[in-house]
Amino acid sequence: YSGNRYQSGGGGGMEYAQTYFIERQNSSHQSLAKMGVSPSNGGPGLLLPFSRATSTNSLRSGISSTGNNGESSRLLMNNSDSNGSLKNYLYYGGNPALNEQDGRPRTLRFQVVLWNVGRLDIVTGAVPMTFRISLFWNDHSPPESDDLTAPGEDGSTTCSTHNVWRMHGRQKAFQQELRDVPIKAMEVPPVSILNVATFETIGSAEVNMLNEETRLMRWSCMYRASVLQQEDNCRVEDFPHDDHDLHLKLAILTNRGRGKIWDRRVWKLALATADDAQSSTRIPHGLIVDQARIPEFSYNKERGLQFQFCQLDHGAMDQDSHEEQTPEMYLRVSLNVLRESGYYDNNIVPLLALLNVVAVSVLTFQDTEFFYRALITLNIAFVEMGIRMTADSHLPSVGYEIRLQRILNEFFVMLMMLVLESMMVYVVRTYTNVSEYFTFYTDWAMAVIALAHNFYILNGYYQSKRRARQRLDFGWRDTKKENDNPNGKLANKRE
């Protein structure tokens, strides 16, 4: 269909063009109806031929010059295949099973780059994150030339240059020229972030064709979001040696049903490959950038992010089908973080242990000098109470007892036990006829018990630190098995 057929003056050319367009639409719908494809069963929602426009210049020079609306001329596009095949229409891929088997992978491949992690709120379970999500897939529509040249009246050609893809909503991208005129549209997998409370995009989403031969597409968007964590990932019983797995959950939920555009039976979720990343990142499927800092926590830079596909319990299912159900999956991106405990490891706990050792030394007083024994021990107890109140101001506000609170309580209780023991030997020595050796050995027994208790607390505290470090370095998650196997040969391996 050459452009000179529409170059007649007046409104006849426009009227003929509109009539031709409507006829082509009707024949397209009829052809697709014979194939069993319609918008209701996953077919294209808008059927516009999208192959090259052969008479763009002529339409601009002929129709637009008559004073009529020239926008309609941009909808006139040649369709050399009249059999109504899906591959020649604007919204292709209505049913993935109808696409050609051309060897290109039918996977939706994720890449996640974590730029920043904010302070973890233990009470609400929210943590602010800044991250970029990139999604790769291979477009299964027939490759099309970007050269939209069309002959003019004098035989010259004019090229439409620098076409770009721009997002429209969450599910579609339009290819536009620099003057912002849509010339082609395509379906884009809508990415869902499952565990966010609030989010905002930084800039706008981008869509690019990375490889014209394989029609490799990339959708990319950067987010700043408040990410919600599961309750068991925010518990701090082991404070200050608590570690947490911060999760980011991603999925494709829209149009994943049977016969839909992104049918879960055909389009599987996967991780980005080296061909997708094109050497843009050290790890193709994602990483956390080196300069990222997490307040009060550290992470293992060698392990970085962990990726795992999990079944989505509340995902949509094809209820009407009697065939085996294909479960909906989602990508779980995890970052294991460990609290920085140097303030407590090097200041609070050693000081409390030293105070208790000093308190044991008062047992060297005579058994009849209860006043001096109790006075010194209670003074030490008041010092520990001051340290306790200072430490409590830094502890998480939770409704259960944490490890450090239990340690502070045990140190204080041992001081009270020393006071009670001094009172007991004083009463026995003063009001009974027991020998001095009995109270002497009683004091020594109490001193051994107090020192052994000190050692037990310190050993358990620093063993907890060692196990937390092992979990961060090697991904060991079962604390009970770690306690049973001191050599570290655990059955629970890293994920």
Protein backbone atom coordinates (compact mmCIF):
# COMPACT_ATOMS: atom_id res chain seq x y z
CA TYR A 1 0.00 0.00 0.00
CA SER A 2 1.93 2.99 -1.22
CA GLY A 3 1.51 6.46 0.15
CA ASN A 4 0.35 8.04 -3.13
CA ARG A 5 -3.10 6.50 -2.65
CA TYR A 6 -3.68 8.89 0.22
CA GLN A 7 -2.27 12.05 -1.34
CA SER A 8 -5.51 13.33 -2.76
CA GLY A 9 -6.53 16.69 -1.40
CA GLY A 10 -9.45 17.47 0.88
CA GLY A 11 -10.92 15.07 3.40
CA GLY A 12 -11.25 12.09 1.02
CA GLY A 13 -7.83 10.76 1.90
CA MET A 14 -8.50 10.87 5.62
CA GLU A 15 -11.92 9.25 5.21
CA TYR A 16 -10.48 6.44 3.12
CA ALA A 17 -7.67 5.93 5.64
CA GLN A 18 -10.10 5.66 8.54
CA THR A 19 -12.32 3.22 6.60
CA TYR A 20 -9.33 1.06 5.75
CA PHE A 21 -8.18 1.05 9.37
CA ILE A 22 -11.62 -0.08 10.64
CA GLU A 23 -11.79 -2.86 8.05
CA ARG A 24 -8.37 -4.13 9.07
CA GLN A 25 -9.45 -4.09 12.72
CA ASN A 26 -12.57 -6.13 11.98
CA SER A 27 -10.67 -8.73 9.94
CA SER A 28 -8.04 -8.96 12.70
CA HIS A 29 -10.64 -9.67 15.37
CA GLN A 30 -12.32 -12.28 13.20
CA SER A 31 -9.03 -14.06 12.52
CA LEU A 32 -8.13 -14.13 16.21
CA ALA A 33 -11.60 -15.39 17.11
CA LYS A 34 -11.01 -18.39 14.87
CA MET A 35 -7.80 -19.08 16.78
CA GLY A 36 -9.67 -18.98 20.10
CA VAL A 37 -7.85 -15.88 21.32
CA SER A 38 -9.68 -12.91 22.77
CA PRO A 39 -9.05 -10.29 25.46
CA SER A 40 -11.14 -12.31 27.89
CA ASN A 41 -8.94 -15.42 27.67
CA GLY A 42 -5.60 -13.68 27.74
CA GLY A 43 -5.49 -12.39 24.17
CA PRO A 44 -4.39 -8.93 23.21
CA GLY A 45 -6.39 -6.10 24.66
CA LEU A 46 -5.78 -3.74 21.70
CA LEU A 47 -5.19 -5.13 18.21
CA LEU A 48 -3.08 -2.74 16.19
CA PRO A 49 -0.64 -3.92 13.50
CA PHE A 50 2.81 -2.73 14.46
CA SER A 51 5.06 -3.47 11.50
CA ARG A 52 6.83 -0.63 9.75
CA ALA A 53 4.80 2.35 8.58
CA THR A 54 5.45 2.56 4.85
CA SER A 55 3.77 5.82 4.06
CA THR A 56 4.50 8.09 6.99
CA ASN A 57 6.03 10.90 4.97
CA SER A 58 3.31 10.85 2.36
CA LEU A 59 0.64 10.98 5.00
CA ARG A 60 2.31 13.92 6.70
CA SER A 61 2.68 15.80 3.42
CA GLY A 62 -0.73 14.85 2.00
CA ILE A 63 -3.27 14.43 4.76
CA SER A 64 -1.78 16.77 7.33
CA SER A 65 -1.56 19.53 4.76
CA THR A 66 -5.34 19.47 4.30
CA GLY A 67 -5.91 20.74 7.80
CA ASN A 68 -7.20 17.42 9.17
CA ASN A 69 -5.83 15.80 12.31
CA GLY A 70 -2.53 14.20 11.39
CA GLU A 71 -2.40 11.98 14.47
CA SER A 72 -4.56 9.35 12.77
CA SER A 73 -1.96 8.93 10.07
CA ARG A 74 0.45 7.46 12.58
CA LEU A 75 -1.93 4.55 13.17
CA LEU A 76 -1.71 3.45 9.54
CA MET A 77 0.85 0.66 9.46
CA ASN A 78 1.41 -2.00 6.87
CA ASN A 79 0.63 -5.62 7.69
CA SER A 80 2.03 -7.99 5.09
CA ASP A 81 0.65 -11.10 6.88
CA SER A 82 -3.14 -11.30 6.58
CA ASN A 83 -3.70 -14.58 8.45
CA GLY A 84 -4.44 -12.85 11.75
CA SER A 85 -1.42 -14.29 13.57
CA LEU A 86 -0.66 -12.85 17.00
CA LYS A 87 2.92 -12.14 16.07
CA ASN A 88 1.97 -9.21 13.80
CA TYR A 89 0.01 -7.23 16.36
CA LEU A 90 0.89 -4.46 18.73
CA TYR A 91 0.06 -6.33 21.95
CA TYR A 92 1.73 -9.63 21.22
CA GLY A 93 2.11 -12.59 23.50
CA GLY A 94 -1.53 -12.79 24.63
CA ASN A 95 -1.03 -16.51 25.15
CA PRO A 96 2.64 -17.51 25.55
CA ALA A 97 1.89 -21.04 24.33
CA LEU A 98 1.06 -19.56 20.89
CA ASN A 99 4.40 -17.81 20.50
CA GLU A 100 7.06 -19.30 18.26
CA GLN A 101 9.51 -21.76 19.76
CA ASP A 102 12.60 -19.90 18.59
CA GLY A 103 15.06 -21.16 21.19
CA ARG A 104 15.05 -18.03 23.34
CA PRO A 105 14.54 -18.67 27.06
CA ARG A 106 11.07 -18.14 28.52
CA THR A 107 12.19 -16.94 31.91
CA LEU A 108 11.76 -13.75 33.89
CA ARG A 109 15.17 -13.14 35.38
CA PHE A 110 15.77 -10.92 38.42
CA GLN A 111 18.73 -8.81 39.43
CA VAL A 112 18.76 -6.94 42.76
CA VAL A 113 21.39 -4.38 43.77
CA LEU A 114 21.12 -3.19 47.38
CA TRP A 115 22.47 0.32 47.84
CA ASN A 116 21.67 1.19 51.42
CA VAL A 117 20.04 -0.28 54.55
CA GLY A 118 18.80 1.93 57.37
CA ARG A 119 18.24 1.30 61.07
CA LEU A 120 16.24 -1.83 61.90
CA ASP A 121 13.19 -1.07 64.06
CA ILE A 122 12.80 -4.08 66.36
CA VAL A 123 9.32 -3.04 67.55
CA THR A 124 7.67 -2.52 64.15
CA GLY A 125 9.90 -4.91 62.22
CA ALA A 126 10.54 -2.32 59.49
CA VAL A 127 13.87 -1.44 57.92
CA PRO A 128 14.40 1.28 55.28
CA MET A 129 16.18 0.09 52.15
CA THR A 130 17.34 1.63 48.89
CA PHE A 131 17.67 -0.89 46.08
CA ARG A 132 17.46 -1.29 42.32
CA ILE A 133 15.44 -4.09 40.74
CA SER A 134 16.19 -5.15 37.17
CA LEU A 135 14.12 -7.69 35.26
CA PHE A 136 15.35 -9.40 32.10
CA TRP A 137 13.35 -11.35 29.56
CA ASN A 138 13.50 -12.23 25.88
CA ASP A 139 10.82 -10.64 23.74
CA HIS A 140 9.20 -13.39 21.64
CA SER A 141 7.65 -11.12 19.05
CA PRO A 142 9.27 -11.16 15.58
CA PRO A 143 12.29 -8.83 15.36
CA GLU A 144 11.48 -5.60 13.61
CA SER A 145 13.68 -3.03 11.94
CA ASP A 146 14.05 0.29 13.71
CA ASP A 147 14.52 1.99 10.31
CA LEU A 148 11.18 3.68 9.73
CA THR A 149 12.18 5.28 6.45
CA ALA A 150 9.45 6.07 3.96
CA PRO A 151 9.73 7.49 0.43
CA GLY A 152 8.49 11.00 -0.13
CA GLU A 153 7.02 12.61 -3.22
CA ASP A 154 10.44 13.36 -4.67
CA GLY A 155 11.84 9.91 -3.90
CA SER A 156 13.80 11.10 -0.86
CA THR A 157 13.66 9.36 2.49
CA THR A 158 13.28 10.66 6.01
CA CYS A 159 14.31 8.58 9.05
CA SER A 160 12.69 8.56 12.49
CA THR A 161 15.68 8.37 14.81
CA HIS A 162 16.46 7.54 18.44
CA ASN A 163 13.48 5.51 19.53
CA VAL A 164 13.20 4.87 23.27
CA TRP A 165 11.02 2.69 25.51
CA ARG A 166 9.06 4.40 28.29
CA MET A 167 6.98 2.87 31.04
CA HIS A 168 3.23 3.44 31.07
CA GLY A 169 1.91 2.22 34.42
CA ARG A 170 3.36 -1.05 35.73
CA GLN A 171 2.63 -3.44 32.91
CA LYS A 172 3.33 -1.73 29.61
CA ALA A 173 6.11 0.18 27.90
CA PHE A 174 5.71 2.35 24.81
CA GLN A 175 8.39 2.90 22.23
CA GLN A 176 8.54 6.58 21.36
CA GLU A 177 10.49 8.95 19.23
CA LEU A 178 12.25 11.87 20.81
CA ARG A 179 9.23 14.06 20.11
CA ASP A 180 7.21 11.79 22.43
CA VAL A 181 4.99 10.18 19.80
CA PRO A 182 4.19 6.51 20.64
CA ILE A 183 5.04 4.26 17.72
CA LYS A 184 4.93 0.82 19.35
CA ALA A 185 3.94 -0.77 22.66
CA MET A 186 4.97 -3.96 24.42
CA GLU A 187 3.97 -5.93 27.49
CA VAL A 188 6.23 -5.56 30.54
CA PRO A 189 6.11 -8.01 33.48
CA PRO A 190 4.73 -6.09 36.49
CA VAL A 191 7.08 -6.57 39.44
CA SER A 192 5.48 -6.78 42.90
CA ILE A 193 7.34 -6.15 46.15
CA LEU A 194 5.52 -8.32 48.66
CA ASN A 195 6.79 -7.04 52.01
CA VAL A 196 6.84 -3.25 51.87
CA ALA A 197 4.84 -0.83 53.99
CA THR A 198 5.60 2.28 51.93
CA PHE A 199 7.84 2.94 48.95
CA GLU A 200 8.78 5.56 46.40
CA THR A 201 10.63 5.34 43.14
CA ILE A 202 13.85 7.25 42.56
CA GLY A 203 13.52 8.61 39.07
CA SER A 204 11.42 6.62 36.63
CA ALA A 205 11.50 3.05 35.44
CA GLU A 206 13.62 2.31 32.38
CA VAL A 207 13.10 -0.20 29.60
CA ASN A 208 15.91 -1.04 27.17
CA MET A 209 16.57 -3.57 24.46
CA LEU A 210 20.04 -4.88 25.22
CA ASN A 211 20.40 -7.27 22.29
CA GLU A 212 18.43 -6.90 19.07
CA GLU A 213 19.36 -10.35 17.81
CA THR A 214 17.98 -12.18 20.84
CA ARG A 215 15.56 -9.33 21.68
CA LEU A 216 16.86 -9.24 25.23
CA MET A 217 14.87 -6.68 27.22
CA ARG A 218 15.64 -5.08 30.56
CA TRP A 219 13.25 -3.29 32.90
CA SER A 220 14.94 -1.43 35.76
CA CYS A 221 13.72 0.79 38.58
CA MET A 222 15.26 2.13 41.79
CA TYR A 223 13.23 2.18 45.02
CA ARG A 224 13.40 3.68 48.46
CA ALA A 225 11.11 1.59 50.67
CA SER A 226 10.24 0.63 54.22
CA VAL A 227 10.56 -3.16 54.12
CA LEU A 228 8.66 -5.24 56.69
CA GLN A 229 10.38 -8.25 58.25
CA GLN A 230 8.87 -11.39 59.72
CA GLU A 231 8.43 -11.47 63.47
CA ASP A 232 10.90 -14.32 64.01
CA ASN A 233 13.55 -12.29 62.15
CA CYS A 234 13.26 -9.41 64.62
CA ARG A 235 13.59 -11.20 67.96
CA VAL A 236 16.51 -10.16 70.17
CA GLU A 237 16.75 -12.88 72.84
CA ASP A 238 20.49 -13.12 72.11
CA PHE A 239 21.15 -9.37 72.36
CA PRO A 240 23.83 -8.08 71.96
CA HIS A 241 24.83 -11.05 69.79
CA ASP A 242 21.61 -11.19 67.81
CA ASP A 243 21.72 -11.66 64.06
CA HIS A 244 18.87 -11.19 61.62
CA ASP A 245 18.03 -12.19 58.06
CA LEU A 246 16.68 -9.11 56.31
CA HIS A 247 14.37 -10.23 53.52
CA LEU A 248 13.17 -8.56 50.34
CA LYS A 249 10.44 -10.53 48.53
CA LEU A 250 9.77 -10.05 44.82
CA ALA A 251 7.23 -11.71 42.55
CA ILE A 252 5.25 -11.43 39.31
CA LEU A 253 1.59 -11.79 40.29
CA THR A 254 -0.43 -10.15 37.51
CA ASN A 255 -1.50 -12.14 34.43
CA ARG A 256 0.14 -15.35 35.69
CA GLY A 257 -2.92 -17.55 35.26
CA ARG A 258 -3.53 -20.19 32.62
CA GLY A 259 -3.52 -18.67 29.14
CA LYS A 260 -2.51 -15.24 30.40
CA ILE A 261 0.35 -13.15 29.10
CA TRP A 262 2.84 -14.31 31.74
CA ASP A 263 1.45 -17.81 32.24
CA ARG A 264 3.33 -19.34 35.18
CA ARG A 265 3.47 -22.69 33.39
CA VAL A 266 5.47 -21.12 30.56
CA TRP A 267 7.29 -18.16 32.09
CA LYS A 268 9.41 -19.30 35.02
CA LEU A 269 11.19 -17.08 37.50
CA ALA A 270 14.99 -17.23 37.47
CA LEU A 271 18.11 -15.24 38.33
CA ALA A 272 19.90 -12.98 35.90
CA THR A 273 22.80 -14.50 33.99
CA ALA A 274 26.13 -13.09 32.88
CA ASP A 275 24.66 -12.43 29.42
CA ASP A 276 21.91 -10.36 31.04
CA ALA A 277 24.18 -8.35 33.34
CA GLN A 278 26.77 -7.76 30.59
CA SER A 279 29.57 -7.31 33.16
CA SER A 280 27.73 -4.45 34.88
CA THR A 281 27.99 -6.16 38.29
CA ARG A 282 30.45 -8.58 39.86
CA ILE A 283 27.64 -11.04 40.56
CA PRO A 284 25.12 -11.17 37.68
CA HIS A 285 21.98 -11.69 39.78
CA GLY A 286 22.77 -9.00 42.35
CA LEU A 287 24.85 -7.83 45.28
CA ILE A 288 25.12 -5.24 48.02
CA VAL A 289 27.41 -2.37 47.12
CA ASP A 290 30.72 -2.14 48.99
CA GLN A 291 30.06 1.26 50.55
CA ALA A 292 26.73 0.22 52.09
CA ARG A 293 26.62 0.72 55.88
CA ILE A 294 23.99 -0.65 58.26
CA PRO A 295 23.65 1.27 61.56
CA GLU A 296 24.59 -0.91 64.57
CA PHE A 297 25.04 -4.00 62.37
CA SER A 298 27.68 -5.61 60.19
CA TYR A 299 27.44 -8.13 57.36
CA ASN A 300 29.72 -10.54 55.57
CA LYS A 301 30.87 -8.91 52.34
CA GLU A 302 32.05 -12.22 50.92
CA ARG A 303 28.67 -13.90 51.31
CA GLY A 304 26.68 -10.80 50.41
CA LEU A 305 23.08 -11.34 49.35
CA GLN A 306 21.47 -14.78 49.35
CA PHE A 307 18.82 -15.62 46.73
CA GLN A 308 16.19 -18.30 47.09
CA PHE A 309 12.93 -19.08 45.27
CA CYS A 310 10.08 -19.98 47.63
CA GLN A 311 6.49 -21.00 47.14
CA LEU A 312 3.97 -18.23 47.67
CA ASP A 313 1.26 -19.55 49.98
CA HIS A 314 -1.32 -16.91 49.11
CA GLY A 315 -0.56 -16.87 45.38
CA ALA A 316 -3.27 -17.25 42.76
CA MET A 317 -4.13 -20.73 41.48
CA ASP A 318 -6.10 -21.98 38.49
CA GLN A 319 -9.15 -23.27 40.31
CA ASP A 320 -11.07 -24.32 37.19
CA SER A 321 -8.39 -26.67 35.86
CA HIS A 322 -8.24 -30.35 36.76
CA GLU A 323 -4.57 -30.60 35.77
CA GLU A 324 -1.73 -30.51 38.21
CA GLN A 325 -1.44 -27.04 39.72
CA THR A 326 1.68 -24.97 39.13
CA PRO A 327 2.48 -23.15 42.39
CA GLU A 328 3.23 -19.46 42.36
CA MET A 329 6.82 -18.69 43.35
CA TYR A 330 8.56 -15.60 44.63
CA LEU A 331 12.20 -14.55 44.97
CA ARG A 332 13.46 -14.02 48.50
CA VAL A 333 16.59 -11.89 48.73
CA SER A 334 18.26 -12.22 52.16
CA LEU A 335 21.02 -10.33 53.90
CA ASN A 336 22.31 -11.74 57.18
CA VAL A 337 23.40 -9.00 59.59
CA LEU A 338 25.04 -9.22 63.02
CA ARG A 339 24.81 -6.56 65.71
CA GLU A 340 28.00 -4.74 66.60
CA SER A 341 28.52 -5.80 70.24
CA GLY A 342 31.93 -4.26 71.00
CA TYR A 343 30.49 -1.76 73.49
CA TYR A 344 29.09 -4.56 75.66
CA ASP A 345 31.88 -7.09 75.01
CA ASN A 346 34.70 -4.75 75.99
CA ASN A 347 33.08 -2.44 78.54
CA ILE A 348 29.88 -3.51 80.28
CA VAL A 349 30.30 -7.26 80.82
CA PRO A 350 34.04 -7.22 81.80
CA LEU A 351 33.39 -4.40 84.28
CA LEU A 352 30.51 -6.29 85.91
CA ALA A 353 32.63 -9.43 86.17
CA LEU A 354 35.46 -7.47 87.78
CA LEU A 355 33.10 -5.92 90.34
CA ASN A 356 31.88 -9.36 91.35
CA VAL A 357 35.44 -10.59 91.78
CA VAL A 358 36.12 -7.61 94.05
CA ALA A 359 32.98 -8.44 96.01
CA VAL A 360 34.29 -11.96 96.62
CA SER A 361 37.40 -10.47 98.26
CA VAL A 362 35.33 -9.13 101.18
CA LEU A 363 35.00 -12.71 102.42
CA THR A 364 38.56 -12.35 103.74
CA PHE A 365 37.17 -10.21 106.60
CA GLN A 366 36.54 -11.91 109.93
CA ASP A 367 33.21 -13.69 110.19
CA THR A 368 32.20 -11.37 113.01
CA GLU A 369 32.69 -8.24 110.91
CA PHE A 370 29.36 -8.51 109.08
CA PHE A 371 28.86 -4.73 108.95
CA TYR A 372 32.01 -4.13 106.90
CA ARG A 373 31.31 -7.11 104.65
CA ALA A 374 27.74 -5.98 103.90
CA LEU A 375 28.68 -2.32 103.52
CA ILE A 376 31.33 -2.95 100.86
CA THR A 377 29.20 -5.51 99.02
CA LEU A 378 26.16 -3.23 98.91
CA ASN A 379 28.29 -0.34 97.65
CA ILE A 380 29.43 -2.57 94.78
CA ALA A 381 25.79 -3.49 94.16
CA PHE A 382 24.85 0.19 93.83
CA VAL A 383 27.64 0.68 91.29
CA GLU A 384 26.26 -2.23 89.29
CA MET A 385 22.78 -0.72 89.50
CA GLY A 386 24.11 2.48 87.91
CA ILE A 387 25.72 0.47 85.11
CA ARG A 388 22.48 -1.47 84.72
CA MET A 389 20.41 1.68 84.27
CA THR A 390 22.87 3.04 81.72
CA ALA A 391 22.85 -0.23 79.77
CA ASP A 392 19.04 -0.50 79.91
CA SER A 393 18.70 2.80 78.07
CA HIS A 394 20.41 1.19 75.06
CA LEU A 395 18.50 -2.09 75.12
CA PRO A 396 15.64 -2.82 72.70
CA SER A 397 12.17 -2.20 74.12
CA VAL A 398 10.58 -5.64 73.97
CA GLY A 399 8.23 -7.61 76.18
CA TYR A 400 10.56 -10.55 76.88
CA GLU A 401 13.88 -10.99 78.68
CA ILE A 402 17.01 -10.72 76.59
CA ARG A 403 20.44 -12.23 77.24
CA LEU A 404 22.14 -9.09 78.55
CA GLN A 405 19.33 -8.39 81.02
CA ARG A 406 19.64 -11.94 82.33
CA ILE A 407 23.41 -11.51 82.77
CA LEU A 408 22.93 -8.22 84.65
CA ASN A 409 20.37 -9.89 86.91
CA GLU A 410 22.66 -12.84 87.67
CA PHE A 411 25.58 -10.60 88.59
CA PHE A 412 23.36 -8.62 90.96
CA VAL A 413 21.82 -11.74 92.51
CA MET A 414 25.30 -13.13 93.25
CA LEU A 415 26.15 -9.95 95.18
CA MET A 416 23.01 -10.38 97.27
CA MET A 417 23.99 -14.01 97.92
CA LEU A 418 27.37 -12.83 99.28
CA VAL A 419 25.59 -10.48 101.68
CA LEU A 420 23.28 -13.28 102.88
CA GLU A 421 26.22 -15.66 103.34
CA SER A 422 28.06 -13.04 105.46
CA MET A 423 24.97 -12.60 107.61
CA MET A 424 24.61 -16.37 108.06
CA VAL A 425 28.19 -16.97 109.23
CA TYR A 426 27.93 -13.95 111.55
CA VAL A 427 24.77 -15.33 113.21
CA VAL A 428 26.16 -18.85 113.48
CA ARG A 429 29.47 -17.65 114.87
CA THR A 430 27.87 -15.23 117.36
CA TYR A 431 24.93 -17.23 118.72
CA THR A 432 26.15 -20.83 118.49
CA ASN A 433 29.21 -22.74 119.61
CA VAL A 434 30.47 -23.71 116.11
CA SER A 435 34.18 -23.55 115.56
CA GLU A 436 35.97 -20.90 113.56
CA TYR A 437 37.00 -23.52 110.99
CA PHE A 438 33.34 -24.08 110.01
CA THR A 439 32.80 -20.43 109.06
CA PHE A 440 36.24 -20.33 107.39
CA TYR A 441 35.43 -23.23 105.06
CA THR A 442 31.95 -21.83 104.47
CA ASP A 443 33.45 -18.55 103.29
CA TRP A 444 35.87 -20.39 101.02
CA ALA A 445 33.09 -22.51 99.54
CA MET A 446 31.05 -19.39 98.84
CA ALA A 447 34.05 -17.71 97.20
CA VAL A 448 34.58 -20.72 94.90
CA ILE A 449 30.89 -20.76 93.95
CA ALA A 450 30.91 -17.02 93.19
CA LEU A 451 34.06 -17.26 91.06
CA ALA A 452 32.74 -20.34 89.21
CA HIS A 453 29.49 -18.50 88.54
CA ASN A 454 31.47 -15.58 87.15
CA PHE A 455 33.40 -17.89 84.84
CA TYR A 456 30.19 -19.64 83.73
CA ILE A 457 28.52 -16.34 82.78
CA LEU A 458 31.56 -15.02 80.91
CA ASN A 459 32.08 -18.30 79.05
CA GLY A 460 28.44 -18.46 77.96
CA TYR A 461 28.45 -14.83 76.90
CA TYR A 462 31.55 -15.06 74.72
CA GLN A 463 30.52 -18.47 73.34
CA SER A 464 27.34 -16.75 72.15
CA LYS A 465 29.49 -14.17 70.42
CA ARG A 466 31.53 -16.91 68.70
CA ARG A 467 28.40 -18.71 67.48
CA ALA A 468 26.93 -15.48 66.15
CA ARG A 469 30.12 -14.82 64.21
CA GLN A 470 29.98 -18.34 62.76
CA ARG A 471 26.41 -17.80 61.64
CA LEU A 472 27.46 -14.62 59.87
CA ASP A 473 30.52 -16.19 58.22
CA PHE A 474 29.13 -19.59 57.24
CA GLY A 475 25.35 -19.25 57.38
CA TRP A 476 24.80 -21.69 60.25
CA ARG A 477 21.35 -21.14 61.65
CA ASP A 478 20.66 -23.99 64.13
CA THR A 479 21.93 -22.84 67.53
CA LYS A 480 21.02 -26.10 69.31
CA LYS A 481 23.11 -28.15 66.91
CA GLU A 482 25.97 -25.73 67.36
CA ASN A 483 25.84 -26.25 71.12
CA ASP A 484 25.84 -30.02 70.70
CA ASN A 485 28.76 -29.99 68.28
CA PRO A 486 31.62 -27.77 69.51
CA ASN A 487 33.80 -28.69 66.53
CA GLY A 488 31.47 -26.78 64.25
CA LYS A 489 30.68 -29.70 61.92
CA LEU A 490 27.02 -28.89 61.63
CA ALA A 491 24.33 -30.66 59.73
CA ASN A 492 22.71 -27.38 58.87
CA LYS A 493 24.78 -25.99 56.00
CA ARG A 494 24.70 -22.56 54.50
CA GLU A 495 21.75 -21.86 52.25
